[in-house]
Amino acid sequence: MEDTTTQTEQAEGQALSALQTEAEQPNADGAPPSGAPKKGFLEKVDGWFGISKSGSTFRIEVMAGLTSFMAMVYILMVNAGMFSAVITDSADPYGAAYIATALGAVVGTMLMAFLARMPLAQASGMGINAFIVYTLILSGTGLTYANCMVFTLLDGVIFLLLTLTGLRRKIFEAIPVGVRHAIPVGIGLFIAFIGLQQAGAIIHNENTLTAFVSFNVLGDTPFFSYENGVVGGMAPALVALVGVIAIAVLSKKNVKGAILWGLVGSAALYYAFAGIAAGAGSEAARQMFGAISFSDPFGAFAAWGKDAAGAVFYEGFDFSHYLAVEGNNGGTLAIVLITSALSLCMIDMFDTIGTLYGACAKGNLLDENGTPLHMEKMMLADALATCAGAVAGTSTVTTFSESASGVAAGGKTGFAAFVTGLCFLVAMFLSPVAQLIPRCATASVLIWVGVLMMDSVCKIKWSDPADALVAFMTFIVMLLGNSISKGIGMGILTFIIVMLCTGQVKKISLPTWVIGAIFAVTFVLT
């Protein structure tokens, strides 16, 4: 066995040596090999990012950056669609949200490129944006978009302090394992439910509260309807369902940018259905087409500058709308402020840590201890990006799990992230085109993100009654209680109660007690 192993190692060494020798030889035209260090300006760029040193090439890094962009560009349309519902009194709420989202992605990704020098990209995180829009704003709390940018900024500041002081690990360990694993599951279900509702696949029912849309062509559900600028009927629901299936099929076939192509394909199917309906005499479809208009791309920048940029400073600390809601006061505001910022930070921290480990493992970008290279710098880039995103007017900017596709494509350095950042910069001027993407197409993406986030359900110890209950209470309250933060709080409180009742008080750390107490006060007073 040892002789065989030795022979294998020698063969691998000879093969590697041959490859290195071949790589050092000039091409047939006398040009240096693609993997060799470049001269002049490119040589400096190569040296700064360590492209040749890492075993990569400019071509590989560019392709990796483009791959990451293709995998995550959908966030521009999806996030803008979400926040356009809460940026009030704006001439172009979608455009304002689109530019804010793009700027957050540009800043965050460039920080990853030049500060951490790693091939990962950042943008407004899925799940966190849903938490802000649907839990903190649209659930009747009285909080405004600008107020929530304050919470996002606090999230970034807290994350920054935890990273610089090294307390991040203690906070992470204070959250019960069952809750940690259940958070992405709950957020995934929450996001998927929102997508199904936006597409009209899940509708309101007076008896059961919710129901699946009817596709009975002989029933009362119209194929295509249009009211107050919102498309309804069977068509959008069908588009969303076909879209998510298309994304799954493309992903199964390892098609790069599967989510983007699924999104574009869903939009094309939507307009095909609308065209068929219009040809068949549908007045609703004709009204929809009549409402389409192309705006000046610079109008989106103007709307962003007026209604989103810096809103955290000039409107964010005005909580008069919140205090005007019956039952709200200064005390409840303080609790909401603390728990919301804490929830945002925990979601951000768990998401970032999980993404960094998973993505870096794909590209063998780990040190001898299995820790991602430049871990602290990447966490610092994440925290700074969140702060910058809040000022720009978007939800928490975090490392995107989809950017792992760029790592899988061979990206090893920050140059790949630089390319992704440039792509987001160019995309800032395409808001009029992005605005043509219908809600049912972005809904297919939301449903697919929900599918991806269900992966963590396998990590829950269902054989352990305590862990099973803690995890279940976490994600079921998130989904049915329409609140991500309350789901986290219920999971932590359930853990504390179960440990107390089973005589395992020592498993409850002091930070867990503190966080649990904060959420307990939240449930009692808000």
Foldseek 3Di string as FASTA:
>chain_A
DVVVVVVVVVVVVVVVVVVVVVQQDDDPVRHHHQLDQDDDPSNVVCVLWVQSVVVHGPVLLLVLLVLLLLQPVLCLLLLLVLQLVFLPPFPCSSLLRSLLQLVLFLLLLVLCCNQLFFQFTKTFDQLQSLQCRQPVPVVPLLAGLLQVLLLLLLLLVVLLVCLVVVVLVVLLLQADPLLLLLLLLLSLLQLLVVLLVLLQQWDQDPPPRIDGDDPPPPDDFDCWAADPRHIDGVLLNVLLVVLLVQLVVCVVVVPRSSLNVSLVVSLVSSLVSLVVCVVVPDPRSVVNVVPQDFDQLVVSVVSNVVRAAQSNPPPNPPSVSSCVDPLDDPVLVVLCSVLSSVLLNNVQSSVQLVLQLVLCVLLVQADPVSHHRSVSSSSNSQSVSSNVSSNSGGHRMHTDSSSSSSSNSPNGTSSSSVSNSVVSVVCSSVSSVSVSRDSSSSSSVSNNSSVVSSVSVVVQPCVDVQSVVLSCQLSVCVRPVVHNSLSSLRSLLSNCVVCVVVVNNVSNDPSSVVSNVSSVCNVVRD
